Each structure stands twice: as structure tokens, then as C-alpha cells.
N, C-alpha and C. Protein backbone atom coordinates (compact mmCIF):
# COMPACT_ATOMS: atom_id res chain seq x y z
N MET A 1 0.84 -1.17 0.00
CA MET A 1 0.00 0.00 0.00
C MET A 1 0.90 1.25 0.00
N LYS A 2 0.60 2.18 -0.89
CA LYS A 2 1.33 3.44 -0.94
C LYS A 2 0.62 4.49 -0.11
N ILE A 3 1.41 5.30 0.56
CA ILE A 3 0.85 6.41 1.31
C ILE A 3 1.04 7.66 0.47
N HIS A 4 0.00 8.39 0.24
CA HIS A 4 0.06 9.62 -0.54
C HIS A 4 -0.11 10.81 0.38
N HIS A 5 0.86 11.71 0.33
CA HIS A 5 0.80 12.92 1.15
C HIS A 5 0.02 13.98 0.39
N LYS A 6 -0.88 14.62 1.08
CA LYS A 6 -1.70 15.65 0.45
C LYS A 6 -0.97 16.99 0.38
N SER A 7 0.02 17.18 1.22
CA SER A 7 0.75 18.45 1.20
C SER A 7 2.02 18.31 0.35
N ASP A 8 2.48 19.42 -0.14
CA ASP A 8 3.69 19.44 -0.96
C ASP A 8 4.91 19.40 -0.04
N TYR A 9 5.61 18.27 -0.02
CA TYR A 9 6.75 18.12 0.87
C TYR A 9 7.83 19.17 0.58
N ARG A 10 7.94 19.60 -0.67
CA ARG A 10 8.99 20.58 -1.01
C ARG A 10 8.76 21.90 -0.29
N ALA A 11 7.54 22.36 -0.27
CA ALA A 11 7.22 23.60 0.43
C ALA A 11 7.44 23.46 1.93
N LEU A 12 7.07 22.31 2.48
CA LEU A 12 7.27 22.08 3.91
C LEU A 12 8.76 22.06 4.26
N ARG A 13 9.54 21.37 3.45
CA ARG A 13 10.99 21.33 3.70
C ARG A 13 11.59 22.74 3.60
N ARG A 14 11.21 23.45 2.55
CA ARG A 14 11.75 24.80 2.34
C ARG A 14 11.44 25.69 3.54
N ALA A 15 10.25 25.56 4.08
CA ALA A 15 9.84 26.39 5.21
C ALA A 15 10.59 26.04 6.49
N HIS A 16 11.08 24.81 6.59
CA HIS A 16 11.70 24.36 7.84
C HIS A 16 13.23 24.25 7.80
N TYR A 17 13.80 24.32 6.61
CA TYR A 17 15.27 24.32 6.53
C TYR A 17 15.81 25.63 7.10
N PRO A 18 17.02 25.60 7.63
CA PRO A 18 17.65 26.85 8.06
C PRO A 18 17.87 27.77 6.85
N ASP A 19 18.03 29.04 7.11
CA ASP A 19 18.30 30.03 6.07
C ASP A 19 19.53 29.59 5.26
N ALA A 20 19.51 29.86 3.96
CA ALA A 20 20.62 29.45 3.09
C ALA A 20 21.95 30.04 3.56
N GLY A 21 21.92 31.27 4.03
CA GLY A 21 23.15 31.89 4.53
C GLY A 21 23.70 31.15 5.75
N ASP A 22 22.81 30.72 6.64
CA ASP A 22 23.23 29.95 7.81
C ASP A 22 23.81 28.60 7.39
N GLN A 23 23.22 27.99 6.37
CA GLN A 23 23.74 26.72 5.87
C GLN A 23 25.13 26.91 5.29
N LEU A 24 25.33 27.98 4.53
CA LEU A 24 26.65 28.23 3.93
C LEU A 24 27.69 28.52 5.01
N ASP A 25 27.29 29.25 6.06
CA ASP A 25 28.21 29.50 7.17
C ASP A 25 28.65 28.19 7.81
N ALA A 26 27.71 27.25 7.94
CA ALA A 26 28.04 25.95 8.52
C ALA A 26 29.00 25.17 7.62
N VAL A 27 28.78 25.22 6.32
CA VAL A 27 29.67 24.53 5.38
C VAL A 27 31.06 25.17 5.41
N LEU A 28 31.11 26.50 5.50
CA LEU A 28 32.40 27.19 5.59
C LEU A 28 33.13 26.78 6.87
N ALA A 29 32.41 26.73 7.98
CA ALA A 29 33.03 26.31 9.24
C ALA A 29 33.55 24.88 9.15
N LEU A 30 32.81 24.01 8.48
CA LEU A 30 33.26 22.62 8.28
C LEU A 30 34.53 22.59 7.45
N ALA A 31 34.57 23.35 6.36
CA ALA A 31 35.75 23.37 5.49
C ALA A 31 36.96 23.91 6.26
N GLU A 32 36.75 24.97 7.05
CA GLU A 32 37.85 25.53 7.83
C GLU A 32 38.36 24.51 8.85
N SER A 33 37.45 23.79 9.48
CA SER A 33 37.83 22.77 10.46
C SER A 33 38.62 21.64 9.80
N LEU A 34 38.17 21.20 8.65
CA LEU A 34 38.89 20.15 7.93
C LEU A 34 40.30 20.61 7.55
N GLN A 35 40.39 21.85 7.08
CA GLN A 35 41.69 22.39 6.67
C GLN A 35 42.62 22.50 7.88
N GLN A 36 42.11 22.96 9.02
CA GLN A 36 42.92 23.07 10.23
C GLN A 36 43.36 21.71 10.75
N SER A 37 42.60 20.69 10.42
CA SER A 37 42.94 19.32 10.85
C SER A 37 43.95 18.67 9.92
N GLY A 38 44.37 19.40 8.89
CA GLY A 38 45.37 18.87 7.98
C GLY A 38 44.82 18.29 6.70
N TYR A 39 43.52 18.32 6.54
CA TYR A 39 42.90 17.79 5.32
C TYR A 39 43.19 18.75 4.17
N VAL A 40 43.65 18.23 3.05
CA VAL A 40 43.93 19.05 1.88
C VAL A 40 42.65 19.20 1.07
N LEU A 41 42.17 20.43 1.00
CA LEU A 41 40.92 20.69 0.31
C LEU A 41 41.16 20.91 -1.18
N PRO A 42 40.17 20.59 -2.00
CA PRO A 42 40.30 20.86 -3.43
C PRO A 42 40.47 22.37 -3.69
N GLU A 43 41.12 22.70 -4.76
CA GLU A 43 41.41 24.10 -5.09
C GLU A 43 40.14 24.95 -5.15
N LYS A 44 39.10 24.44 -5.76
CA LYS A 44 37.86 25.22 -5.85
C LYS A 44 37.27 25.52 -4.48
N VAL A 45 37.40 24.58 -3.57
CA VAL A 45 36.89 24.80 -2.21
C VAL A 45 37.74 25.86 -1.51
N ARG A 46 39.06 25.79 -1.69
CA ARG A 46 39.95 26.81 -1.09
C ARG A 46 39.63 28.19 -1.65
N GLN A 47 39.39 28.28 -2.95
CA GLN A 47 39.05 29.57 -3.56
C GLN A 47 37.73 30.10 -3.02
N TRP A 48 36.76 29.20 -2.88
CA TRP A 48 35.46 29.59 -2.33
C TRP A 48 35.62 30.10 -0.90
N MET A 49 36.42 29.38 -0.10
CA MET A 49 36.66 29.79 1.28
C MET A 49 37.31 31.17 1.33
N GLU A 50 38.30 31.39 0.48
CA GLU A 50 38.99 32.68 0.46
C GLU A 50 38.03 33.81 0.09
N SER A 51 37.14 33.56 -0.87
CA SER A 51 36.20 34.62 -1.26
C SER A 51 35.21 34.89 -0.13
N CYS A 52 34.76 33.85 0.58
CA CYS A 52 33.86 34.04 1.73
C CYS A 52 34.57 34.80 2.84
N GLN A 53 35.80 34.43 3.13
CA GLN A 53 36.55 35.09 4.19
C GLN A 53 36.83 36.54 3.83
N ASP A 54 37.06 36.82 2.55
CA ASP A 54 37.27 38.20 2.10
C ASP A 54 36.02 39.04 2.35
N VAL A 55 34.86 38.49 2.05
CA VAL A 55 33.60 39.21 2.30
C VAL A 55 33.43 39.46 3.79
N LYS A 56 33.74 38.46 4.61
CA LYS A 56 33.61 38.63 6.06
C LYS A 56 34.59 39.67 6.60
N ARG A 57 35.79 39.75 6.00
CA ARG A 57 36.73 40.79 6.42
C ARG A 57 36.25 42.18 6.02
N ARG A 58 35.72 42.28 4.79
CA ARG A 58 35.24 43.59 4.31
C ARG A 58 34.02 44.09 5.07
N TYR A 59 33.17 43.16 5.48
CA TYR A 59 31.94 43.53 6.16
C TYR A 59 31.81 42.76 7.47
N PRO A 60 32.62 43.12 8.47
CA PRO A 60 32.61 42.38 9.74
C PRO A 60 31.31 42.60 10.51
N LYS A 61 31.02 41.65 11.41
CA LYS A 61 29.88 41.81 12.31
C LYS A 61 30.17 42.99 13.22
N ARG A 62 29.14 43.69 13.58
CA ARG A 62 29.34 44.84 14.48
C ARG A 62 28.76 44.58 15.82
């Protein structure tokens, strides 16, 4: 027997996921932690991290 959901799961998920910016901050923190632990990150990830860190330096929290 199949169970059919009457609500759109995509809308429900979207409404309950953390903000995209918060998710990216978490991914950045993970990448920084891996790098500090000695893990060699792919070049594209290092470039992405550098661009994120540059933005954070230019516009620090107050």
C-alpha cells in the first residue's frame, strides 16, 4: 500500500530548513575545520573559502 501525502513536501521542507546563509556559514566552518585538521581541500573549495573570508573581512559583524 502506498501512502500519498496531500501536502507538498517541497514547500514544507523549504519552510523548515535553516536560512541558506546559515547553511553556507556551517559549510564554511566545516571546510575551515577540515583544513585546520590537515585535510587538503580541493582548489575550488579553497578559492570559495577565500572569497567568503574576504567578504567577512570587508563587512565584519558589528
